Amino acid sequence: MPSALDLFLSKPRQFDLIVFDWDGTLFDSTALITRCIQSACADVGAAVPGDVDASYVIGLGLVDALRHIAPDLSRERQIEVAARYRHHYIARQHESVFFEGSLAMLYVLKARNHRLAVATGKSRRGLDEALRMANLDGVFDATRTADETSSKPHPQMLLELMTQLDAPPGRTLMIGDTTHDMLLAANAGTARLAVSYGAHGVALLSEHAPCHVARTVADLQSWLLQNG
């Protein structure tokens, strides 16, 4: 009797291109980013945001995140906070790991010839370092970061990925853990799937009408096996 994986591999694809957010979707880094934002604000004497406010901006580019967290700081002071954030994150990034099952899920999707991409609020340097540490050369067909294109929820990074990989909006799925990802997909005209094990919860994500809200990586993989 064919296994669920055999059935998945033989099924026609609904989506040619699957685009993942990074932090909080594939990588279990939400708590670390939150703490690094708080430490950076404390270092320069700025008001320290609570957990909810600090985690809300995950997924945005760092400049946009700081505008939300500390709108009253001058540009120069925001640059100081950004530098301290990078200091704390680089020192502790080894503490973060992939969510259990996410790497296996990526390889299953590759076996079915989906094109895979990343659209992230990380910097190019930060993403490249994470990919290098994870030894993921060749898994993703393309990536975009917030410092080389417009930050979420502007659709530019997703539009660029679709153009590069020749995938129309109707054959593209965006997967992420924040409302910024859901708005990115909506603005680019693609389908969107939310995961609630990252920065934003089910209620907030559900307001943006995702095709599914996955509570775990296993739930996400199961949905993709049936509907991807």
C-alpha atoms as a PDB file:
ATOM      1  CA  MET A   1       0.000   0.000   0.000  1.00  0.00           C
ATOM      2  CA  PRO A   2       1.454   3.420  -0.967  1.00  0.00           C
ATOM      3  CA  SER A   3       2.614   5.610   1.918  1.00  0.00           C
ATOM      4  CA  ALA A   4       1.418   9.165   2.495  1.00  0.00           C
ATOM      5  CA  LEU A   5       4.768  10.352   1.113  1.00  0.00           C
ATOM      6  CA  ASP A   6       4.387   8.254  -2.050  1.00  0.00           C
ATOM      7  CA  LEU A   7       0.913   9.689  -2.598  1.00  0.00           C
ATOM      8  CA  PHE A   8       2.230  13.198  -2.048  1.00  0.00           C
ATOM      9  CA  LEU A   9       5.064  12.789  -4.523  1.00  0.00           C
ATOM     10  CA  SER A  10       2.721  11.457  -7.196  1.00  0.00           C
ATOM     11  CA  LYS A  11       0.040  14.141  -6.727  1.00  0.00           C
ATOM     12  CA  PRO A  12      -0.108  17.131  -9.079  1.00  0.00           C
ATOM     13  CA  ARG A  13       1.179  20.315  -7.459  1.00  0.00           C
ATOM     14  CA  GLN A  14      -1.200  23.107  -6.553  1.00  0.00           C
ATOM     15  CA  PHE A  15       1.728  25.464  -5.938  1.00  0.00           C
ATOM     16  CA  ASP A  16       4.878  25.581  -8.034  1.00  0.00           C
ATOM     17  CA  LEU A  17       6.601  28.048  -5.709  1.00  0.00           C
ATOM     18  CA  ILE A  18       6.501  27.891  -1.902  1.00  0.00           C
ATOM     19  CA  VAL A  19       8.011  30.876  -0.123  1.00  0.00           C
ATOM     20  CA  PHE A  20       8.925  30.661   3.563  1.00  0.00           C
ATOM     21  CA  ASP A  21       9.535  33.328   6.109  1.00  0.00           C
ATOM     22  CA  TRP A  22      12.624  32.441   8.186  1.00  0.00           C
ATOM     23  CA  ASP A  23      12.473  33.477  11.852  1.00  0.00           C
ATOM     24  CA  GLY A  24       9.528  31.912  13.671  1.00  0.00           C
ATOM     25  CA  THR A  25       8.523  29.833  10.650  1.00  0.00           C
ATOM     26  CA  LEU A  26      11.501  27.583   9.905  1.00  0.00           C
ATOM     27  CA  PHE A  27      13.876  28.805  12.601  1.00  0.00           C
ATOM     28  CA  ASP A  28      13.003  28.782  16.313  1.00  0.00           C
ATOM     29  CA  SER A  29      14.375  32.249  17.031  1.00  0.00           C
ATOM     30  CA  THR A  30      11.373  34.278  18.231  1.00  0.00           C
ATOM     31  CA  ALA A  31      12.370  34.331  21.906  1.00  0.00           C
ATOM     32  CA  LEU A  32      15.990  35.171  21.079  1.00  0.00           C
ATOM     33  CA  ILE A  33      15.049  38.083  18.804  1.00  0.00           C
ATOM     34  CA  THR A  34      12.654  39.434  21.424  1.00  0.00           C
ATOM     35  CA  ARG A  35      15.358  39.374  24.113  1.00  0.00           C
ATOM     36  CA  CYS A  36      17.943  40.954  21.805  1.00  0.00           C
ATOM     37  CA  ILE A  37      15.579  43.823  20.944  1.00  0.00           C
ATOM     38  CA  GLN A  38      14.951  44.424  24.638  1.00  0.00           C
ATOM     39  CA  SER A  39      18.661  44.281  25.497  1.00  0.00           C
ATOM     40  CA  ALA A  40      19.523  46.701  22.692  1.00  0.00           C
ATOM     41  CA  CYS A  41      16.991  49.250  23.927  1.00  0.00           C
ATOM     42  CA  ALA A  42      18.277  48.910  27.486  1.00  0.00           C
ATOM     43  CA  ASP A  43      21.886  49.384  26.330  1.00  0.00           C
ATOM     44  CA  VAL A  44      21.183  52.867  24.949  1.00  0.00           C
ATOM     45  CA  GLY A  45      18.773  53.936  27.675  1.00  0.00           C
ATOM     46  CA  ALA A  46      15.648  53.722  25.517  1.00  0.00           C
ATOM     47  CA  ALA A  47      12.315  52.466  26.824  1.00  0.00           C
ATOM     48  CA  VAL A  48      12.398  48.678  26.849  1.00  0.00           C
ATOM     49  CA  PRO A  49       9.381  47.161  25.039  1.00  0.00           C
ATOM     50  CA  GLY A  50       7.444  44.314  26.585  1.00  0.00           C
ATOM     51  CA  ASP A  51       7.429  40.845  25.085  1.00  0.00           C
ATOM     52  CA  VAL A  52       4.278  41.457  23.009  1.00  0.00           C
ATOM     53  CA  ASP A  53       5.547  44.670  21.397  1.00  0.00           C
ATOM     54  CA  ALA A  54       9.046  43.301  20.829  1.00  0.00           C
ATOM     55  CA  SER A  55       7.812  40.091  19.217  1.00  0.00           C
ATOM     56  CA  TYR A  56       5.187  41.896  17.126  1.00  0.00           C
ATOM     57  CA  VAL A  57       7.848  43.490  14.894  1.00  0.00           C
ATOM     58  CA  ILE A  58       9.604  40.215  14.096  1.00  0.00           C
ATOM     59  CA  GLY A  59       9.546  39.771  10.336  1.00  0.00           C
ATOM     60  CA  LEU A  60       9.982  43.451   9.572  1.00  0.00           C
ATOM     61  CA  GLY A  61      13.277  44.858   8.464  1.00  0.00           C
ATOM     62  CA  LEU A  62      15.295  46.155  11.416  1.00  0.00           C
ATOM     63  CA  VAL A  63      14.813  49.827  10.501  1.00  0.00           C
ATOM     64  CA  ASP A  64      11.034  49.424  10.231  1.00  0.00           C
ATOM     65  CA  ALA A  65      10.965  47.390  13.446  1.00  0.00           C
ATOM     66  CA  LEU A  66      12.730  50.159  15.356  1.00  0.00           C
ATOM     67  CA  ARG A  67      10.386  52.792  13.969  1.00  0.00           C
ATOM     68  CA  HIS A  68       7.517  50.811  15.460  1.00  0.00           C
ATOM     69  CA  ILE A  69       9.179  50.045  18.801  1.00  0.00           C
ATOM     70  CA  ALA A  70      10.838  53.418  19.402  1.00  0.00           C
ATOM     71  CA  PRO A  71       9.171  56.002  17.155  1.00  0.00           C
ATOM     72  CA  ASP A  72      10.342  58.923  19.330  1.00  0.00           C
ATOM     73  CA  LEU A  73      14.043  58.108  19.027  1.00  0.00           C
ATOM     74  CA  SER A  74      16.120  60.140  16.604  1.00  0.00           C
ATOM     75  CA  ARG A  75      17.548  58.462  13.536  1.00  0.00           C
ATOM     76  CA  GLU A  76      20.979  58.470  15.156  1.00  0.00           C
ATOM     77  CA  ARG A  77      19.653  56.769  18.290  1.00  0.00           C
ATOM     78  CA  GLN A  78      17.803  54.175  16.223  1.00  0.00           C
ATOM     79  CA  ILE A  79      21.102  53.388  14.490  1.00  0.00           C
ATOM     80  CA  GLU A  80      22.656  52.857  17.934  1.00  0.00           C
ATOM     81  CA  VAL A  81      19.851  50.470  18.921  1.00  0.00           C
ATOM     82  CA  ALA A  82      20.256  48.594  15.633  1.00  0.00           C
ATOM     83  CA  ALA A  83      23.996  48.186  16.231  1.00  0.00           C
ATOM     84  CA  ARG A  84      23.409  46.876  19.758  1.00  0.00           C
ATOM     85  CA  TYR A  85      20.742  44.485  18.479  1.00  0.00           C
ATOM     86  CA  ARG A  86      23.177  43.024  15.955  1.00  0.00           C
ATOM     87  CA  HIS A  87      25.799  42.710  18.687  1.00  0.00           C
ATOM     88  CA  HIS A  88      23.478  40.736  20.952  1.00  0.00           C
ATOM     89  CA  TYR A  89      22.056  38.577  18.150  1.00  0.00           C
ATOM     90  CA  ILE A  90      25.437  37.629  16.684  1.00  0.00           C
ATOM     91  CA  ALA A  91      26.699  36.690  20.145  1.00  0.00           C
ATOM     92  CA  ARG A  92      23.709  34.419  20.800  1.00  0.00           C
ATOM     93  CA  GLN A  93      22.541  33.195  17.377  1.00  0.00           C
ATOM     94  CA  HIS A  94      23.993  29.743  18.079  1.00  0.00           C
ATOM     95  CA  GLU A  95      21.191  29.312  20.649  1.00  0.00           C
ATOM     96  CA  SER A  96      18.536  29.065  17.909  1.00  0.00           C
ATOM     97  CA  VAL A  97      17.757  25.912  15.957  1.00  0.00           C
ATOM     98  CA  PHE A  98      15.357  24.771  13.278  1.00  0.00           C
ATOM     99  CA  PHE A  99      11.918  23.798  14.455  1.00  0.00           C
ATOM    100  CA  GLU A 100      11.823  20.028  14.741  1.00  0.00           C
ATOM    101  CA  GLY A 101      10.723  18.507  11.439  1.00  0.00           C
ATOM    102  CA  SER A 102      11.183  21.630   9.324  1.00  0.00           C
ATOM    103  CA  LEU A 103      14.336  20.444   7.545  1.00  0.00           C
ATOM    104  CA  ALA A 104      12.776  17.094   6.661  1.00  0.00           C
ATOM    105  CA  MET A 105       9.722  18.942   5.351  1.00  0.00           C
ATOM    106  CA  LEU A 106      11.893  21.080   3.055  1.00  0.00           C
ATOM    107  CA  TYR A 107      13.568  18.017   1.556  1.00  0.00           C
ATOM    108  CA  VAL A 108      10.189  16.357   0.943  1.00  0.00           C
ATOM    109  CA  LEU A 109       9.005  19.457  -0.900  1.00  0.00           C
ATOM    110  CA  LYS A 110      12.212  19.496  -2.956  1.00  0.00           C
ATOM    111  CA  ALA A 111      11.649  15.835  -3.854  1.00  0.00           C
ATOM    112  CA  ARG A 112       8.292  16.823  -5.320  1.00  0.00           C
ATOM    113  CA  ASN A 113      10.000  19.498  -7.416  1.00  0.00           C
ATOM    114  CA  HIS A 114       8.504  22.504  -5.722  1.00  0.00           C
ATOM    115  CA  ARG A 115      10.618  25.597  -6.094  1.00  0.00           C
ATOM    116  CA  LEU A 116      11.467  26.897  -2.627  1.00  0.00           C
ATOM    117  CA  ALA A 117      12.355  30.434  -1.583  1.00  0.00           C
ATOM    118  CA  VAL A 118      12.822  32.603   1.501  1.00  0.00           C
ATOM    119  CA  ALA A 119      11.375  36.081   2.073  1.00  0.00           C
ATOM    120  CA  THR A 120      12.683  37.451   5.347  1.00  0.00           C
ATOM    121  CA  GLY A 121      13.130  40.560   7.424  1.00  0.00           C
ATOM    122  CA  LYS A 122      16.709  39.467   8.139  1.00  0.00           C
ATOM    123  CA  SER A 123      19.649  41.197   6.502  1.00  0.00           C
ATOM    124  CA  ARG A 124      21.480  39.521   3.623  1.00  0.00           C
ATOM    125  CA  ARG A 125      24.476  38.970   5.865  1.00  0.00           C
ATOM    126  CA  GLY A 126      22.279  37.470   8.585  1.00  0.00           C
ATOM    127  CA  LEU A 127      20.432  35.103   6.265  1.00  0.00           C
ATOM    128  CA  ASP A 128      23.573  33.975   4.458  1.00  0.00           C
ATOM    129  CA  GLU A 129      25.216  33.221   7.801  1.00  0.00           C
ATOM    130  CA  ALA A 130      22.160  31.237   8.948  1.00  0.00           C
ATOM    131  CA  LEU A 131      22.086  29.252   5.697  1.00  0.00           C
ATOM    132  CA  ARG A 132      25.813  28.574   5.961  1.00  0.00           C
ATOM    133  CA  MET A 133      25.537  27.382   9.547  1.00  0.00           C
ATOM    134  CA  ALA A 134      22.605  25.118   8.607  1.00  0.00           C
ATOM    135  CA  ASN A 135      24.458  23.729   5.557  1.00  0.00           C
ATOM    136  CA  LEU A 136      21.465  24.411   3.308  1.00  0.00           C
ATOM    137  CA  ASP A 137      23.265  25.078   0.036  1.00  0.00           C
ATOM    138  CA  GLY A 138      21.002  24.183  -2.877  1.00  0.00           C
ATOM    139  CA  VAL A 139      17.774  23.814  -0.889  1.00  0.00           C
ATOM    140  CA  PHE A 140      16.363  27.237  -1.744  1.00  0.00           C
ATOM    141  CA  ASP A 141      16.076  28.387  -5.332  1.00  0.00           C
ATOM    142  CA  ALA A 142      16.081  32.071  -4.396  1.00  0.00           C
ATOM    143  CA  THR A 143      16.007  34.330  -1.328  1.00  0.00           C
ATOM    144  CA  ARG A 144      15.219  37.957  -0.542  1.00  0.00           C
ATOM    145  CA  THR A 145      16.087  40.009   2.528  1.00  0.00           C
ATOM    146  CA  ALA A 146      14.780  43.297   3.873  1.00  0.00           C
ATOM    147  CA  ASP A 147      18.006  45.222   3.240  1.00  0.00           C
ATOM    148  CA  GLU A 148      18.093  44.476  -0.496  1.00  0.00           C
ATOM    149  CA  THR A 149      14.438  45.183  -1.315  1.00  0.00           C
ATOM    150  CA  SER A 150      11.385  46.714   0.372  1.00  0.00           C
ATOM    151  CA  SER A 151      10.505  45.412   3.823  1.00  0.00           C
ATOM    152  CA  LYS A 152       7.288  43.508   4.505  1.00  0.00           C
ATOM    153  CA  PRO A 153       4.404  44.044   4.019  1.00  0.00           C
ATOM    154  CA  HIS A 154       5.399  45.781   0.772  1.00  0.00           C
ATOM    155  CA  PRO A 155       5.034  43.112  -1.953  1.00  0.00           C
ATOM    156  CA  GLN A 156       8.349  43.803  -3.715  1.00  0.00           C
ATOM    157  CA  MET A 157      10.363  40.902  -2.290  1.00  0.00           C
ATOM    158  CA  LEU A 158       7.652  38.388  -3.149  1.00  0.00           C
ATOM    159  CA  LEU A 159       7.092  39.899  -6.609  1.00  0.00           C
ATOM    160  CA  GLU A 160      10.827  39.678  -7.294  1.00  0.00           C
ATOM    161  CA  LEU A 161      10.931  36.012  -6.242  1.00  0.00           C
ATOM    162  CA  MET A 162       7.981  35.154  -8.503  1.00  0.00           C
ATOM    163  CA  THR A 163       9.616  36.936 -11.430  1.00  0.00           C
ATOM    164  CA  GLN A 164      12.994  35.274 -10.859  1.00  0.00           C
ATOM    165  CA  LEU A 165      11.469  31.793 -10.565  1.00  0.00           C
ATOM    166  CA  ASP A 166       8.794  32.299 -13.240  1.00  0.00           C
ATOM    167  CA  ALA A 167       5.875  31.530 -10.924  1.00  0.00           C
ATOM    168  CA  PRO A 168       2.535  33.362 -11.262  1.00  0.00           C
ATOM    169  CA  PRO A 169       0.701  34.547  -8.112  1.00  0.00           C
ATOM    170  CA  GLY A 170      -1.924  31.840  -8.508  1.00  0.00           C
ATOM    171  CA  ARG A 171       0.760  29.137  -8.277  1.00  0.00           C
ATOM    172  CA  THR A 172       2.635  30.687  -5.334  1.00  0.00           C
ATOM    173  CA  LEU A 173       2.143  30.087  -1.600  1.00  0.00           C
ATOM    174  CA  MET A 174       3.598  32.325   1.121  1.00  0.00           C
ATOM    175  CA  ILE A 175       4.100  30.747   4.565  1.00  0.00           C
ATOM    176  CA  GLY A 176       4.822  32.817   7.661  1.00  0.00           C
ATOM    177  CA  ASP A 177       4.234  33.339  11.356  1.00  0.00           C
ATOM    178  CA  THR A 178       3.269  37.030  11.398  1.00  0.00           C
ATOM    179  CA  THR A 179       0.605  39.344  10.063  1.00  0.00           C
ATOM    180  CA  HIS A 180       3.410  41.041   8.102  1.00  0.00           C
ATOM    181  CA  ASP A 181       3.775  37.813   6.090  1.00  0.00           C
ATOM    182  CA  MET A 182       0.026  37.570   5.543  1.00  0.00           C
ATOM    183  CA  LEU A 183      -0.133  41.175   4.319  1.00  0.00           C
ATOM    184  CA  LEU A 184       2.903  40.605   2.092  1.00  0.00           C
ATOM    185  CA  ALA A 185       1.099  37.732   0.392  1.00  0.00           C
ATOM    186  CA  ALA A 186      -2.164  39.641   0.098  1.00  0.00           C
ATOM    187  CA  ASN A 187      -0.369  42.631  -1.427  1.00  0.00           C
ATOM    188  CA  ALA A 188       1.404  40.360  -3.934  1.00  0.00           C
ATOM    189  CA  GLY A 189      -1.806  38.482  -4.813  1.00  0.00           C
ATOM    190  CA  THR A 190      -0.645  35.038  -3.639  1.00  0.00           C
ATOM    191  CA  ALA A 191      -2.137  32.386  -1.373  1.00  0.00           C
ATOM    192  CA  ARG A 192      -1.025  32.574   2.269  1.00  0.00           C
ATOM    193  CA  LEU A 193      -0.637  30.011   5.019  1.00  0.00           C
ATOM    194  CA  ALA A 194       0.014  30.972   8.642  1.00  0.00           C
ATOM    195  CA  VAL A 195       1.891  29.152  11.378  1.00  0.00           C
ATOM    196  CA  SER A 196       0.973  29.999  14.967  1.00  0.00           C
ATOM    197  CA  TYR A 197       4.040  28.557  16.707  1.00  0.00           C
ATOM    198  CA  GLY A 198       6.124  31.693  16.016  1.00  0.00           C
ATOM    199  CA  ALA A 199       5.613  35.365  16.877  1.00  0.00           C
ATOM    200  CA  HIS A 200       1.880  35.977  16.299  1.00  0.00           C
ATOM    201  CA  GLY A 201      -1.034  33.975  17.642  1.00  0.00           C
ATOM    202  CA  VAL A 202      -3.979  32.268  15.962  1.00  0.00           C
ATOM    203  CA  ALA A 203      -6.502  35.072  16.504  1.00  0.00           C
ATOM    204  CA  LEU A 204      -4.264  37.760  14.988  1.00  0.00           C
ATOM    205  CA  LEU A 205      -3.254  35.597  12.041  1.00  0.00           C
ATOM    206  CA  SER A 206      -6.801  34.449  11.324  1.00  0.00           C
ATOM    207  CA  GLU A 207      -7.886  38.052  10.721  1.00  0.00           C
ATOM    208  CA  HIS A 208      -5.968  37.894   7.433  1.00  0.00           C
ATOM    209  CA  ALA A 209      -7.834  34.906   5.992  1.00  0.00           C
ATOM    210  CA  PRO A 210      -4.992  32.410   5.511  1.00  0.00           C
ATOM    211  CA  CYS A 211      -5.892  29.157   3.760  1.00  0.00           C
ATOM    212  CA  HIS A 212      -4.801  27.346   6.925  1.00  0.00           C
ATOM    213  CA  VAL A 213      -3.265  28.098  10.329  1.00  0.00           C
ATOM    214  CA  ALA A 214      -0.761  25.394  11.257  1.00  0.00           C
ATOM    215  CA  ARG A 215      -0.237  24.883  14.991  1.00  0.00           C
ATOM    216  CA  THR A 216       2.922  22.777  14.568  1.00  0.00           C
ATOM    217  CA  VAL A 217       5.456  21.873  11.886  1.00  0.00           C
ATOM    218  CA  ALA A 218       3.793  18.451  11.669  1.00  0.00           C
ATOM    219  CA  ASP A 219       0.463  20.194  11.027  1.00  0.00           C
ATOM    220  CA  LEU A 220       2.118  22.350   8.356  1.00  0.00           C
ATOM    221  CA  GLN A 221       3.682  19.356   6.612  1.00  0.00           C
ATOM    222  CA  SER A 222       0.401  17.440   6.748  1.00  0.00           C
ATOM    223  CA  TRP A 223      -1.434  20.328   5.073  1.00  0.00           C
ATOM    224  CA  LEU A 224       1.245  20.614   2.388  1.00  0.00           C
ATOM    225  CA  LEU A 225       1.128  16.856   1.747  1.00  0.00           C
ATOM    226  CA  GLN A 226      -2.591  17.095   1.122  1.00  0.00           C
ATOM    227  CA  ASN A 227      -2.896  20.508  -0.522  1.00  0.00           C
ATOM    228  CA  GLY A 228       0.516  21.691  -1.722  1.00  0.00           C
END
